[in-house]
Protein backbone atom coordinates (compact mmCIF):
# COMPACT_ATOMS: atom_id res chain seq x y z
CA MET A 1 134.24 105.99 230.57
CA LYS A 2 136.86 108.47 231.82
CA ALA A 3 139.70 106.37 231.03
CA SER A 4 138.31 105.52 227.57
CA SER A 5 137.83 109.49 226.69
CA ALA A 6 141.58 110.08 227.87
CA SER A 7 143.30 107.14 225.24
CA SER A 8 144.13 107.95 222.03
CA PRO A 9 142.00 108.83 219.47
CA THR A 10 140.47 106.18 217.03
CA PRO A 11 142.14 106.35 213.56
CA SER A 12 140.09 107.51 210.98
CA PRO A 13 139.28 104.25 208.78
CA SER A 14 141.33 103.70 205.47
CA PRO A 15 139.53 104.02 202.00
CA LEU A 16 139.18 100.54 201.93
CA GLU A 17 137.87 99.97 205.27
CA VAL A 18 135.24 102.58 204.17
CA ALA A 19 134.34 100.99 200.81
CA LEU A 20 134.20 97.48 202.31
CA GLY A 21 132.01 98.71 205.09
CA ASN A 22 129.46 100.35 202.46
CA LEU A 23 129.59 96.64 200.84
CA ASP A 24 128.80 94.97 204.33
CA ARG A 25 125.97 97.58 204.68
CA ALA A 26 124.35 96.64 201.36
CA ILE A 27 124.99 92.85 202.22
CA LYS A 28 123.19 92.98 205.21
CA ALA A 29 120.48 95.17 203.94
CA LYS A 30 120.23 92.58 200.85
CA ASP A 31 120.82 95.37 198.37
CA PHE A 32 121.83 93.35 195.17
CA SER A 33 120.57 95.97 192.78
CA SER A 34 123.99 97.58 192.07
CA ASP A 35 127.64 96.51 192.21
CA PHE A 36 128.75 99.73 192.82
CA PRO A 37 130.10 98.89 196.24
CA ILE A 38 132.09 96.15 195.04
CA ILE A 39 133.48 98.61 192.25
CA ALA A 40 134.63 100.80 195.16
CA VAL A 41 136.55 97.99 197.01
CA SER A 42 138.08 97.19 193.73
CA SER A 43 139.17 100.30 192.77
CA GLN A 44 140.93 100.29 196.17
CA LEU A 45 142.70 96.87 195.36
CA ALA A 46 145.50 97.91 192.52
CA PHE A 47 148.32 95.87 192.86
CA GLU A 48 150.74 99.12 192.24
CA THR A 49 149.83 100.86 195.16
CA VAL A 50 150.66 97.80 197.85
CA PRO A 51 154.15 96.40 199.26
CA PRO A 52 155.39 93.10 197.81
CA GLU A 53 154.39 91.31 201.30
CA ILE A 54 150.72 91.86 200.79
CA ARG A 55 150.34 91.62 197.03
CA LEU A 56 149.35 88.09 197.63
CA ALA A 57 146.53 89.11 199.76
CA VAL A 58 145.13 91.68 197.17
CA HIS A 59 145.83 89.47 194.79
CA ASN A 60 143.20 87.03 197.06
CA ALA A 61 140.75 89.57 197.37
CA ARG A 62 140.48 90.60 193.79
CA HIS A 63 139.24 87.23 193.32
CA CYS A 64 136.84 87.24 196.20
CA LEU A 65 135.25 90.17 195.15
CA HIS A 66 134.90 88.37 191.82
CA ASP A 67 132.55 85.64 193.81
CA ILE A 68 130.77 88.49 195.38
CA VAL A 69 129.76 89.95 192.17
CA THR A 70 128.56 86.42 191.09
CA ALA A 71 126.76 86.01 193.98
CA PHE A 72 125.15 89.55 193.22
CA SER A 73 124.41 88.91 189.81
CA ARG A 74 122.45 85.19 191.05
CA LEU A 75 120.62 86.93 193.77
CA ARG A 76 119.54 89.51 191.22
CA ASP A 77 117.96 86.36 189.30
CA LEU A 78 116.15 85.51 192.36
CA ASP A 79 118.43 82.88 193.65
CA PRO A 80 118.57 82.38 197.00
CA THR A 81 121.32 79.32 197.04
CA ALA A 82 123.90 82.16 196.52
CA LEU A 83 123.10 83.86 199.92
CA GLU A 84 125.38 81.59 202.26
CA PRO A 85 128.20 81.78 199.82
CA LEU A 86 128.01 85.31 200.01
CA ASP A 87 128.30 85.29 203.36
CA ALA A 88 131.46 83.02 203.63
CA ALA A 89 133.32 85.43 200.76
CA LEU A 90 132.31 88.29 202.64
CA GLU A 91 134.02 87.06 205.72
CA ARG A 92 136.76 86.09 203.96
CA LEU A 93 137.29 89.39 202.12
CA GLN A 94 137.21 91.03 205.40
CA THR A 95 139.94 89.11 206.73
CA LEU A 96 141.89 89.81 203.88
CA ALA A 97 141.04 93.42 203.87
CA GLN A 98 142.38 93.35 207.34
CA GLN A 99 145.80 92.11 206.62
CA ILE A 100 146.05 94.58 203.49
CA CYS A 101 145.16 97.90 205.90
CA THR A 102 147.62 96.38 208.66
CA ASN A 103 150.16 95.18 206.19
CA ASP A 104 149.72 91.99 208.41
CA CYS A 105 151.26 89.36 206.39
CA PRO A 106 150.70 85.92 207.54
CA GLY A 107 154.37 85.26 208.07
CA LYS A 108 154.72 87.65 210.61
CA LYS A 109 155.31 85.92 214.01
CA LYS A 110 152.30 86.01 216.55
CA GLU A 111 151.05 83.73 219.27
CA PHE A 112 150.21 80.03 218.04
CA ARG A 113 147.23 78.54 218.02
CA PRO A 114 146.49 74.76 216.29
CA GLU A 115 143.61 74.07 214.35
CA ARG A 116 142.82 70.53 212.87
CA LEU A 117 143.65 70.49 209.31
CA SER A 118 140.34 68.50 208.13
CA GLU A 119 138.44 71.60 209.27
CA VAL A 120 140.78 74.27 207.75
CA VAL A 121 140.33 72.17 204.20
CA ALA A 122 136.37 71.84 204.88
CA SER A 123 136.12 75.41 205.43
CA ALA A 124 138.06 76.24 202.10
CA VAL A 125 136.20 73.85 200.11
CA SER A 126 133.00 75.93 201.10
CA SER A 127 134.43 78.97 200.09
CA PHE A 128 134.20 77.55 196.32
CA ASP A 129 130.50 77.85 195.78
CA LEU A 130 130.75 80.92 194.07
CA ILE A 131 133.16 80.13 191.93
CA GLU A 132 131.66 79.63 188.58
CA LYS A 133 131.33 75.98 187.70
CA SER A 134 128.63 75.78 185.04
CA GLY A 135 129.56 73.07 183.04
CA ILE A 136 132.38 71.75 185.11
CA GLU A 137 132.38 68.67 187.54
CA PHE A 138 133.92 69.73 190.98
CA VAL A 139 134.88 66.22 193.44
CA CYS A 140 136.36 66.80 196.86
CA GLU A 141 137.39 63.41 197.79
CA PRO A 142 137.18 62.52 201.71
CA LEU A 143 139.07 63.96 203.91
CA ASP A 144 139.34 61.34 206.64
CA PRO A 145 143.32 61.23 205.71
CA LEU A 146 143.66 64.64 207.45
CA SER A 147 141.64 63.62 210.63
CA HIS A 148 144.16 63.08 213.19
CA LEU A 149 146.55 66.19 212.07
CA VAL A 150 146.63 69.46 213.08
CA THR A 151 148.75 72.67 212.35
CA ASP A 152 151.99 73.00 213.95
CA ARG A 153 152.93 76.50 213.32
CA GLU A 154 151.17 80.19 212.86
CA GLY A 155 149.96 80.91 209.56
CA GLN A 156 149.71 77.10 208.34
CA ALA A 157 145.73 77.44 208.25
CA TYR A 158 145.61 80.49 206.28
CA VAL A 159 147.85 79.76 203.66
CA THR A 160 146.31 76.29 203.12
CA GLN A 161 143.47 78.15 202.58
CA GLU A 162 144.24 80.72 200.30
CA ALA A 163 146.57 78.24 198.50
CA LEU A 164 143.82 75.84 197.59
CA TYR A 165 141.41 78.45 196.98
CA ASN A 166 143.87 79.76 194.70
CA LEU A 167 144.68 76.29 192.79
CA VAL A 168 140.85 75.24 192.73
CA GLN A 169 139.55 78.32 191.52
CA ASN A 170 142.28 78.55 188.76
CA ALA A 171 141.67 74.82 187.50
CA LEU A 172 137.81 75.78 187.50
CA ARG A 173 138.48 78.86 185.47
CA TYR A 174 140.43 77.62 182.86
CA THR A 175 139.02 74.23 182.42
CA LYS A 176 135.61 75.94 181.84
CA LEU A 177 136.97 78.25 179.57
CA TYR A 178 139.27 75.30 177.56
CA ARG A 179 136.08 73.27 177.13
CA GLN A 180 134.11 76.22 175.71
CA THR A 181 136.62 76.28 172.72
CA GLU A 182 137.85 72.73 172.50
CA PRO A 183 136.31 69.40 171.68
CA LEU A 184 135.40 67.19 174.78
CA LYS A 185 137.76 64.19 173.22
CA GLY A 186 135.86 61.43 174.57
CA GLU A 187 135.08 63.23 178.08
CA ALA A 188 131.84 64.02 179.10
CA THR A 189 132.27 67.41 181.08
CA GLY A 190 135.42 69.45 182.41
CA ARG A 191 136.54 67.98 185.79
CA VAL A 192 138.44 69.24 188.78
CA CYS A 193 139.21 66.97 191.80
CA LEU A 194 140.90 67.86 195.07
CA LYS A 195 142.87 64.79 196.77
CA THR A 196 144.38 64.66 199.84
CA ALA A 197 146.78 62.25 201.26
CA VAL A 198 149.70 62.03 203.96
CA SER A 199 152.67 60.79 205.12
CA ARG A 200 155.00 60.10 207.87
CA THR A 201 158.23 62.01 208.58
CA THR A 202 160.97 61.95 211.19
CA GLY A 203 159.59 65.05 212.68
CA GLY A 204 155.87 64.20 212.21
CA TRP A 205 153.36 64.33 209.09
CA ILE A 206 153.30 65.61 205.77
CA ALA A 207 149.75 66.73 204.17
CA ARG A 208 149.55 66.73 200.16
CA PHE A 209 146.89 68.42 198.40
CA ASP A 210 146.33 67.32 194.63
CA VAL A 211 144.07 69.62 192.50
CA GLU A 212 143.50 67.78 189.33
CA ASP A 213 141.91 68.52 186.03
CA ASN A 214 141.19 67.76 182.67
CA GLY A 215 141.63 71.33 181.26
CA PRO A 216 144.36 73.16 178.73
CA GLY A 217 147.69 71.57 180.40
CA MET A 218 150.81 72.67 179.72
CA SER A 219 154.32 72.14 177.54
CA LEU A 220 157.04 71.14 179.62
CA GLU A 221 158.70 74.81 178.88
CA ASP A 222 156.08 76.43 180.69
CA GLN A 223 155.97 74.22 183.47
CA ALA A 224 159.90 75.01 184.06
CA ARG A 225 158.69 78.57 184.16
CA LEU A 226 155.25 78.56 185.83
CA PHE A 227 155.72 79.77 189.52
CA GLN A 228 158.19 83.09 188.26
CA GLU A 229 156.20 86.18 188.88
CA GLY A 230 154.17 87.75 186.34
CA PHE A 231 154.57 84.39 183.97
CA ARG A 232 151.52 83.39 182.13
CA ALA A 233 151.86 79.40 180.48
CA GLN A 234 151.02 79.78 176.40
CA SER A 235 147.96 77.35 176.91
CA THR A 236 146.30 80.37 179.36
CA SER A 237 148.09 83.41 177.96
CA SER A 238 144.71 84.46 176.13
CA MET A 239 142.61 83.96 179.57
CA ALA A 240 142.46 86.52 182.04
CA GLY A 241 145.05 86.47 184.78
CA SER A 242 147.68 88.28 186.45
CA GLY A 243 150.42 85.72 186.94
CA ILE A 244 150.64 86.87 190.61
CA GLY A 245 148.74 84.24 192.66
CA LEU A 246 150.70 80.83 191.68
CA ASN A 247 154.17 82.90 192.71
CA GLY A 248 152.65 84.28 195.90
CA SER A 249 150.79 80.99 196.94
CA ARG A 250 154.28 78.72 196.70
CA ASP A 251 156.40 81.75 198.43
CA ALA A 252 153.50 81.28 201.10
CA VAL A 253 153.73 77.50 201.50
CA GLN A 254 157.42 77.46 201.43
CA SER A 255 157.98 79.69 204.06
CA LEU A 256 156.06 77.51 206.23
CA GLY A 257 158.16 74.57 205.47
CA GLY A 258 155.82 73.31 202.41
CA GLU A 259 156.80 72.69 198.55
CA MET A 260 154.28 73.35 195.86
CA GLY A 261 154.37 72.15 191.85
CA ALA A 262 152.26 71.15 189.07
CA THR A 263 152.64 68.13 186.49
CA SER A 264 151.01 67.81 182.78
CA LYS A 265 151.32 65.37 180.05
CA GLY A 266 151.22 68.24 177.68
CA PRO A 267 148.77 70.72 176.05
CA GLY A 268 145.50 69.65 175.80
CA LYS A 269 146.12 66.80 178.70
CA GLY A 270 144.75 68.07 181.59
CA SER A 271 147.35 69.18 184.93
CA ILE A 272 147.90 68.43 188.69
CA PHE A 273 148.81 71.38 190.98
CA TRP A 274 150.07 70.48 194.30
CA PHE A 275 151.26 71.31 197.24
CA THR A 276 152.43 70.10 200.91
CA MET A 277 152.21 71.10 204.44
CA PRO A 278 154.23 70.14 207.41
CA CYS A 279 151.92 69.22 210.59
CA VAL A 280 151.51 66.85 213.44
CA GLU A 281 149.49 64.56 214.86
CA GLY A 282 147.24 65.36 217.74
CA THR A 283 143.87 66.35 219.16
CA LEU A 284 142.63 69.78 220.28
CA THR A 285 141.37 68.73 224.16
CA ILE A 286 139.29 70.76 226.62
CA HIS A 287 139.84 70.38 230.27
CA PRO A 288 137.16 72.58 231.87
CA SER A 289 138.31 73.38 235.35
CA MET A 290 135.89 72.88 238.37
CA GLY A 291 134.14 75.22 240.65
CA GLU A 292 131.06 76.95 241.87
CA LYS A 293 129.52 77.11 238.07
CA VAL A 294 126.46 75.81 236.27
CA LYS A 295 126.65 72.06 236.35
CA VAL A 296 125.66 70.45 232.70
CA SER A 297 126.26 67.60 230.58
CA LYS A 298 128.10 68.29 227.57
CA ALA A 299 125.65 65.81 225.89
CA LEU A 300 122.77 67.52 227.15
CA ALA A 301 123.81 71.34 227.40
CA ARG A 302 121.11 73.43 225.75
CA ILE A 303 122.83 76.32 223.30
CA LEU A 304 121.41 79.14 221.01
CA ILE A 305 123.47 80.87 218.31
CA VAL A 306 121.78 84.22 217.65
CA GLU A 307 123.76 85.55 214.05
CA ASP A 308 122.67 86.67 210.97
CA MET A 309 125.72 85.71 209.04
CA SER A 310 125.37 81.87 208.09
CA SER A 311 128.72 81.29 207.59
CA LEU A 312 129.21 82.22 211.20
CA ARG A 313 126.58 80.45 212.37
CA ARG A 314 128.19 77.30 210.88
CA SER A 315 131.20 78.14 212.15
CA LEU A 316 130.27 78.15 215.49
CA VAL A 317 128.06 74.97 215.13
CA ARG A 318 131.24 73.45 214.06
CA MET A 319 133.04 74.82 216.93
CA CYS A 320 130.21 73.33 219.60
CA ILE A 321 130.19 69.89 218.16
CA ASN A 322 134.14 69.80 218.45
CA PHE A 323 133.65 70.67 221.86
CA GLY A 324 131.60 68.00 222.62
CA PHE A 325 128.30 69.64 222.58
CA LYS A 326 125.55 67.84 220.73
CA ILE A 327 122.76 68.76 217.97
CA LEU A 328 120.36 66.43 219.30
CA ASP A 329 118.99 64.87 222.54
CA GLU A 330 120.23 61.10 221.74
CA ALA A 331 117.45 59.66 224.52
CA THR A 332 114.88 61.74 223.10
CA GLY A 333 115.62 63.34 219.56
CA PHE A 334 114.76 66.67 220.11
CA LYS A 335 116.95 69.44 219.00
CA ILE A 336 118.63 70.90 221.82
CA LEU A 337 121.12 73.34 219.95
CA ASP A 338 119.00 76.47 218.34
CA GLN A 339 119.85 78.53 215.67
CA ALA A 340 118.34 82.41 215.41
CA THR A 341 118.94 84.82 213.06
CA THR A 342 117.24 87.95 214.49
CA GLU A 343 116.31 89.71 217.64
CA ASP A 344 112.49 88.57 217.75
CA GLU A 345 112.94 85.13 216.88
CA ALA A 346 115.86 84.64 219.59
CA VAL A 347 113.44 85.93 221.82
CA SER A 348 110.50 83.94 220.70
CA LEU A 349 112.79 80.65 221.27
CA CYS A 350 113.66 81.77 224.85
CA GLU A 351 110.06 81.95 225.62
CA GLN A 352 109.59 78.18 224.65
CA LYS A 353 113.06 76.94 225.74
CA LYS A 354 115.38 77.13 228.70
CA TYR A 355 119.00 77.75 227.24
CA ASP A 356 122.34 76.81 229.27
CA LEU A 357 124.51 79.31 226.86
CA ILE A 358 123.35 81.54 224.07
CA PHE A 359 125.78 83.01 221.65
CA MET A 360 124.78 86.37 220.76
CA ASP A 361 125.72 88.61 217.83
CA ASN A 362 124.94 92.44 218.51
CA GLY A 363 125.02 93.42 215.00
CA LEU A 364 121.46 91.71 214.03
CA ASN A 365 119.51 92.57 211.01
CA PRO A 366 116.94 93.44 211.62
CA GLY A 367 117.34 94.29 215.51
CA SER A 368 120.53 94.26 217.87
CA GLY A 369 121.79 91.57 220.37
CA ILE A 370 121.98 94.29 223.37
CA GLU A 371 118.22 94.57 222.88
CA ALA A 372 117.60 90.94 222.46
CA THR A 373 119.56 90.49 225.66
CA LYS A 374 117.53 92.77 227.68
CA ARG A 375 114.17 91.17 226.34
CA ILE A 376 115.33 87.55 227.09
CA ARG A 377 116.32 88.95 230.71
CA GLN A 378 113.06 89.85 231.14
CA LEU A 379 111.34 86.37 230.64
CA PRO A 380 110.92 83.76 233.27
CA LEU A 381 113.32 80.90 231.16
CA GLY A 382 115.87 83.84 230.38
CA LYS A 383 117.03 84.50 233.73
CA SER A 384 119.74 81.95 234.19
CA PRO A 385 121.43 81.35 230.29
CA VAL A 386 124.92 82.22 230.05
CA ILE A 387 125.27 84.76 227.33
CA PHE A 388 128.13 85.49 225.05
CA ALA A 389 128.27 88.68 223.23
CA PHE A 390 129.96 87.43 219.62
CA THR A 391 130.53 90.77 217.97
CA GLY A 392 133.61 92.98 216.33
CA ASP A 393 133.15 95.84 218.31
CA VAL A 394 135.25 95.18 221.44
CA ASP A 395 136.30 98.43 222.81
CA GLU A 396 136.13 99.14 226.13
CA GLU A 397 132.50 101.43 225.79
CA SER A 398 131.14 98.42 223.66
CA GLN A 399 131.82 95.72 226.50
CA VAL A 400 130.85 97.67 229.38
CA ALA A 401 127.17 97.88 227.25
CA PHE A 402 127.00 94.27 226.75
CA ILE A 403 127.61 93.59 230.58
CA ALA A 404 125.52 95.99 231.56
CA CYS A 405 122.49 95.07 229.20
CA GLY A 406 122.92 91.27 230.98
CA MET A 407 125.45 89.53 229.03
CA ASN A 408 127.93 87.40 231.05
CA ALA A 409 131.11 88.22 228.32
CA CYS A 410 132.46 89.15 225.23
CA LEU A 411 134.00 87.18 222.76
CA SER A 412 135.57 88.77 219.32
CA LYS A 413 135.09 87.90 215.58
CA PRO A 414 136.15 85.76 214.27
CA ILE A 415 136.29 83.56 218.02
CA ASP A 416 139.09 82.66 219.31
CA GLN A 417 138.72 79.12 220.37
CA PHE A 418 140.90 79.33 223.12
CA LYS A 419 139.51 82.28 224.74
CA LEU A 420 136.33 80.46 224.24
CA VAL A 421 137.84 77.79 225.85
CA GLY A 422 138.74 79.65 228.67
CA LEU A 423 135.33 81.50 229.16
CA LEU A 424 133.75 77.78 229.14
CA GLY A 425 135.79 76.72 231.77
CA ARG A 426 134.99 80.11 233.87
CA PHE A 427 131.18 79.50 233.86
CA PHE A 428 130.55 76.11 233.54
CA ASP A 429 131.20 72.57 235.41
CA PHE A 430 130.78 69.91 232.75
CA THR A 431 130.42 66.23 233.45
CA LEU A 432 131.23 63.67 230.98
CA GLU A 433 127.86 61.70 231.22
CA PRO A 434 124.47 62.96 231.00
CA ALA A 435 123.23 63.81 234.28
């Protein structure tokens, strides 16, 4: 504690961080009565006030805010299906805001952590749920071609997701507006389709992503200038837009060895926007170390995820499955991977079942992860589970509090899968077959 008090004072949050914190609290409180928290964030995202290297992040954050406005509107109309994509939109906005506040553009050199390309794309596709699609059919073809590929350099996962988001959002928005003002020309509805393909190169693999629509199309002259900063094609010039997204996305893709382009047969004949990204063949394999640890089969490990944001729960479930854990005991059909969203729900499950591993979010609403852990440790079945704190509070004082309440270790949000691998190897001895 003394060391903590002698350290440098924590810098005051920026106006953007303050506004984003107010928006986060409104969403956690399920208060969708006013758009003011969104407006407060939007006022901090003026293009004129940020350096060029993070203008794309600001552009994407403004689009993300538009998705949150859509979610607020749907929730005011008592549409509960907007809650899950709202969580995903908020998580994405928080990531973008961190880049903006720290001037942390994706191209900066960091420790590299590979990711499965199919998961990167699937995560991006899930974020499309809040883009207004009324009257538009959106189709994502199977991602099987990407199943054996992983990213091979820092920034690829982020840039791939943001490029997909920009291209799909543009296609959905402009196709919808075009279909509202033009005859359908024999087609039943507006349509946007995401297609993926891969090809082998001498140095690895190239993944290609095509976003195809039957929207306004473009002339050859507009196609030649399409990626210039600030340029708007004549066919879309009457529609809202900044002319920044395509230029910034192409620069980001090219900085990682990819390409971006577009083709159209002419005005009124739709478009195909595409980009490529280099990648490599490989898998993310876990090799847990041996020792005096909890001995359990991965196929039978009983896991509880305690988190009130659905997008983070989904992310953890996917990660657990990729690590070899199961949702069901295949022999009995009983569920062995459970989820809880509140303190009381987590305690209730631990009264009924004995878990091997618990992921515990501290910022539960209602309740807290610390109080939930204290209560769980008092239960007959709650003394043995390994409990990992899952939190944004990673300062020394918070970590001491997590350990003091009965947790075993701390993971920061978003989860670093390599740190998680290390913690799993530290506490568990996983057998390959059910015991």
